[in-house]
Protein backbone atom coordinates (compact mmCIF):
# COMPACT_ATOMS: atom_id res chain seq x y z
CA UNK A 1 -33.98 26.01 -53.07
CA UNK A 2 -34.30 29.39 -54.74
CA UNK A 3 -31.30 31.45 -53.59
CA UNK A 4 -32.93 34.77 -54.51
CA UNK A 5 -36.06 34.62 -52.36
CA UNK A 6 -39.02 36.97 -52.26
CA UNK A 7 -37.70 38.37 -48.98
CA UNK A 8 -34.35 39.24 -50.59
CA UNK A 9 -36.16 40.89 -53.53
CA UNK A 10 -38.35 42.89 -51.16
CA UNK A 11 -35.29 43.95 -49.15
CA UNK A 12 -33.50 45.07 -52.34
CA UNK A 13 -36.52 47.08 -53.45
CA UNK A 14 -36.73 48.78 -50.05
CA UNK A 15 -33.03 49.69 -50.17
CA UNK A 16 -33.49 51.10 -53.67
CA UNK A 17 -36.48 53.17 -52.47
CA UNK A 18 -34.41 54.53 -49.59
CA UNK A 19 -31.62 55.58 -51.97
CA UNK A 20 -34.09 57.21 -54.40
CA UNK A 21 -35.84 59.07 -51.57
CA UNK A 22 -32.52 60.26 -50.20
CA UNK A 23 -31.31 61.44 -53.62
CA UNK A 24 -34.59 63.26 -54.25
CA UNK A 25 -34.35 64.97 -50.89
CA UNK A 26 -30.74 66.00 -51.50
CA UNK A 27 -31.68 67.36 -54.94
CA UNK A 28 -34.52 69.37 -53.40
CA UNK A 29 -32.24 70.75 -50.70
CA UNK A 30 -29.58 71.71 -53.22
CA UNK A 31 -32.00 73.70 -55.41
CA UNK A 32 -31.04 77.37 -56.00
CA UNK A 33 -34.34 78.70 -54.64
CA UNK A 34 -34.91 76.91 -51.36
CA UNK A 35 -38.37 76.57 -49.88
CA UNK A 36 -39.11 79.05 -47.17
CA UNK A 37 -41.14 78.04 -44.16
CA UNK A 38 -44.02 80.22 -42.97
CA UNK A 39 -41.74 81.83 -40.36
CA UNK A 40 -39.36 82.97 -43.10
CA UNK A 41 -36.55 80.50 -42.32
CA UNK A 42 -35.02 77.93 -44.65
CA UNK A 43 -35.67 74.29 -43.67
CA UNK A 44 -32.70 72.54 -42.14
CA UNK A 45 -31.03 70.09 -44.53
CA UNK A 46 -29.92 67.96 -41.60
CA UNK A 47 -33.45 67.80 -40.17
CA UNK A 48 -34.87 66.94 -43.59
CA UNK A 49 -32.31 64.18 -44.11
CA UNK A 50 -32.96 62.79 -40.62
CA UNK A 51 -36.69 62.82 -41.34
CA UNK A 52 -36.13 60.87 -44.58
CA UNK A 53 -33.93 58.29 -42.84
CA UNK A 54 -36.54 57.86 -40.08
CA UNK A 55 -39.37 57.52 -42.63
CA UNK A 56 -37.30 54.97 -44.57
CA UNK A 57 -36.64 52.93 -41.40
CA UNK A 58 -40.35 52.99 -40.60
CA UNK A 59 -41.09 51.78 -44.14
CA UNK A 60 -38.72 48.81 -43.69
CA UNK A 61 -40.34 47.91 -40.34
CA UNK A 62 -43.84 48.25 -41.78
CA UNK A 63 -43.06 45.87 -44.63
CA UNK A 64 -41.51 43.11 -42.50
CA UNK A 65 -43.96 40.74 -40.79
CA UNK A 66 -41.35 39.70 -38.23
CA UNK A 67 -38.17 41.01 -36.68
CA UNK A 68 -36.04 37.94 -35.98
CA UNK A 69 -33.39 38.27 -33.26
CA UNK A 70 -30.64 35.68 -33.66
CA UNK A 71 -26.96 35.02 -33.21
CA UNK A 72 -25.10 35.80 -36.46
CA UNK A 73 -23.59 32.29 -36.46
CA UNK A 74 -26.84 30.34 -36.04
CA UNK A 75 -27.49 28.26 -39.15
CA UNK A 76 -30.72 26.64 -37.96
CA UNK A 77 -32.14 30.14 -37.36
CA UNK A 78 -31.46 30.95 -41.01
CA UNK A 79 -33.27 27.74 -42.01
CA UNK A 80 -36.29 28.72 -39.86
CA UNK A 81 -36.30 32.20 -41.47
CA UNK A 82 -36.35 30.49 -44.89
CA UNK A 83 -39.29 28.36 -43.67
CA UNK A 84 -41.16 31.51 -42.57
CA UNK A 85 -40.38 33.27 -45.88
CA UNK A 86 -41.48 30.22 -47.88
CA UNK A 87 -44.83 30.35 -46.06
CA UNK A 88 -45.48 33.98 -46.93
CA UNK A 89 -43.91 35.87 -44.01
CA UNK A 90 -41.35 38.60 -44.57
CA UNK A 91 -38.56 38.97 -42.04
CA UNK A 92 -35.99 41.51 -40.92
CA UNK A 93 -33.01 39.95 -39.12
CA UNK A 94 -31.27 41.59 -36.16
CA UNK A 95 -28.07 40.30 -34.50
CA UNK A 96 -28.12 41.71 -30.96
CA UNK A 97 -25.02 41.62 -28.78
CA UNK A 98 -26.99 40.03 -25.94
CA UNK A 99 -29.70 37.50 -26.86
CA UNK A 100 -30.45 36.86 -23.17
CA UNK A 101 -31.43 40.52 -22.78
CA UNK A 102 -33.82 40.23 -25.76
CA UNK A 103 -35.49 37.17 -24.26
CA UNK A 104 -35.74 38.84 -20.85
CA UNK A 105 -37.21 41.96 -22.46
CA UNK A 106 -39.99 39.88 -24.04
CA UNK A 107 -40.59 37.88 -20.85
CA UNK A 108 -39.50 34.48 -22.16
CA UNK A 109 -38.57 32.28 -19.21
CA UNK A 110 -35.27 30.36 -19.53
CA UNK A 111 -37.05 26.96 -19.72
CA UNK A 112 -39.14 28.26 -22.67
CA UNK A 113 -36.27 29.66 -24.73
CA UNK A 114 -34.74 28.54 -28.00
CA UNK A 115 -32.11 29.92 -30.36
CA UNK A 116 -34.03 32.79 -31.98
CA UNK A 117 -36.90 35.12 -31.13
CA UNK A 118 -39.31 36.40 -33.79
CA UNK A 119 -41.58 39.32 -32.94
CA UNK A 120 -44.36 40.45 -35.23
CA UNK A 121 -45.53 44.03 -35.86
CA UNK A 122 -48.14 43.75 -33.10
CA UNK A 123 -45.59 42.50 -30.54
CA UNK A 124 -46.53 38.81 -30.55
CA UNK A 125 -43.58 36.51 -29.89
CA UNK A 126 -42.65 33.29 -31.68
CA UNK A 127 -39.73 31.70 -29.90
CA UNK A 128 -37.70 29.05 -31.68
CA UNK A 129 -38.75 26.66 -34.42
CA UNK A 130 -42.50 27.28 -34.40
CA UNK A 131 -44.07 26.02 -37.66
CA UNK A 132 -45.54 28.80 -39.83
CA UNK A 133 -48.82 26.86 -39.95
CA UNK A 134 -49.32 27.37 -36.21
CA UNK A 135 -48.17 31.00 -36.30
CA UNK A 136 -50.93 31.66 -38.82
CA UNK A 137 -53.45 29.72 -36.72
CA UNK A 138 -52.46 31.63 -33.56
CA UNK A 139 -52.62 35.06 -35.22
CA UNK A 140 -56.04 34.27 -36.73
CA UNK A 141 -57.53 33.67 -33.26
CA UNK A 142 -55.34 35.04 -30.47
CA UNK A 143 -56.45 33.78 -27.05
CA UNK A 144 -56.90 36.54 -24.46
CA UNK A 145 -53.88 36.94 -22.18
CA UNK A 146 -51.42 35.26 -24.56
CA UNK A 147 -48.29 36.83 -26.01
CA UNK A 148 -47.12 34.16 -28.46
CA UNK A 149 -45.85 30.64 -29.01
CA UNK A 150 -42.65 28.77 -28.27
CA UNK A 151 -40.93 25.54 -29.19
CA UNK A 152 -38.35 25.34 -26.39
CA UNK A 153 -34.84 24.10 -27.19
CA UNK A 154 -34.04 22.97 -30.73
CA UNK A 155 -36.10 19.90 -31.62
CA UNK A 156 -34.82 17.68 -34.43
CA UNK A 157 -37.32 17.60 -37.28
CA UNK A 158 -38.99 20.93 -36.48
CA UNK A 159 -38.86 23.61 -39.22
CA UNK A 160 -35.25 24.68 -39.60
CA UNK A 161 -33.97 21.72 -37.58
CA UNK A 162 -34.36 19.06 -40.25
CA UNK A 163 -31.75 16.30 -40.10
CA UNK A 164 -32.43 13.85 -42.91
CA UNK A 165 -35.66 12.00 -42.15
CA UNK A 166 -35.26 12.18 -38.35
CA UNK A 167 -38.17 13.55 -36.33
CA UNK A 168 -38.77 13.91 -32.61
CA UNK A 169 -42.31 14.61 -31.35
CA UNK A 170 -42.53 17.94 -29.53
CA UNK A 171 -44.91 20.47 -28.04
CA UNK A 172 -45.73 23.99 -29.11
CA UNK A 173 -46.45 25.97 -25.96
CA UNK A 174 -48.54 29.14 -25.68
CA UNK A 175 -46.82 31.97 -23.82
CA UNK A 176 -49.00 33.89 -21.36
CA UNK A 177 -48.61 37.49 -20.18
CA UNK A 178 -48.03 36.30 -16.60
CA UNK A 179 -44.90 34.37 -17.69
CA UNK A 180 -46.49 30.92 -17.59
CA UNK A 181 -47.21 28.64 -20.52
CA UNK A 182 -49.57 25.87 -21.52
CA UNK A 183 -49.85 23.31 -24.29
CA UNK A 184 -50.95 24.85 -27.57
CA UNK A 185 -50.37 21.87 -29.88
CA UNK A 186 -48.65 18.50 -29.57
CA UNK A 187 -46.74 17.65 -32.75
CA UNK A 188 -46.54 13.89 -33.20
CA UNK A 189 -45.52 13.62 -36.86
CA UNK A 190 -43.41 15.53 -39.36
CA UNK A 191 -46.38 16.04 -41.73
CA UNK A 192 -48.50 17.62 -38.97
CA UNK A 193 -46.26 20.71 -39.11
CA UNK A 194 -47.40 21.72 -42.60
């Protein structure tokens, strides 16, 4: 496994861009002849810095395909994030104090929950160890009235939950706006996930 993944490289580049933007802004604000706005006042350094920080945060969000909410101690979540990254998705990880509140916010019923919640830029939800193959398939043709996919619980053999050569068949369920779900894909073999 490559320890320095594309996602880590992208994250490092973004951080470097933020630092460069901040330094450029500070240099501009420290110039001896400050810009004067049309009303004759000097722009606020604090407002300019806040604007740069906000723009930088928006840049980070825009570049990540998914925000992944997870417990900081969850190892299988990290393995699923690696799976998503290896299949071309970029991720930003968030460790909320209350995962139950995140799941409630996104309307994921308790019987449909897993260990982590990934939300894409358009607000579609991928709960638990959903294979990247089916995320791509879902996003290519989103059924009307659906908000995402879930693999409830933590199924042995699903992406991120590999335990040797063990595999348990499972179901990927489609999440509907009304809170219900229905079968999206039955997974009967390990190879079917890729």
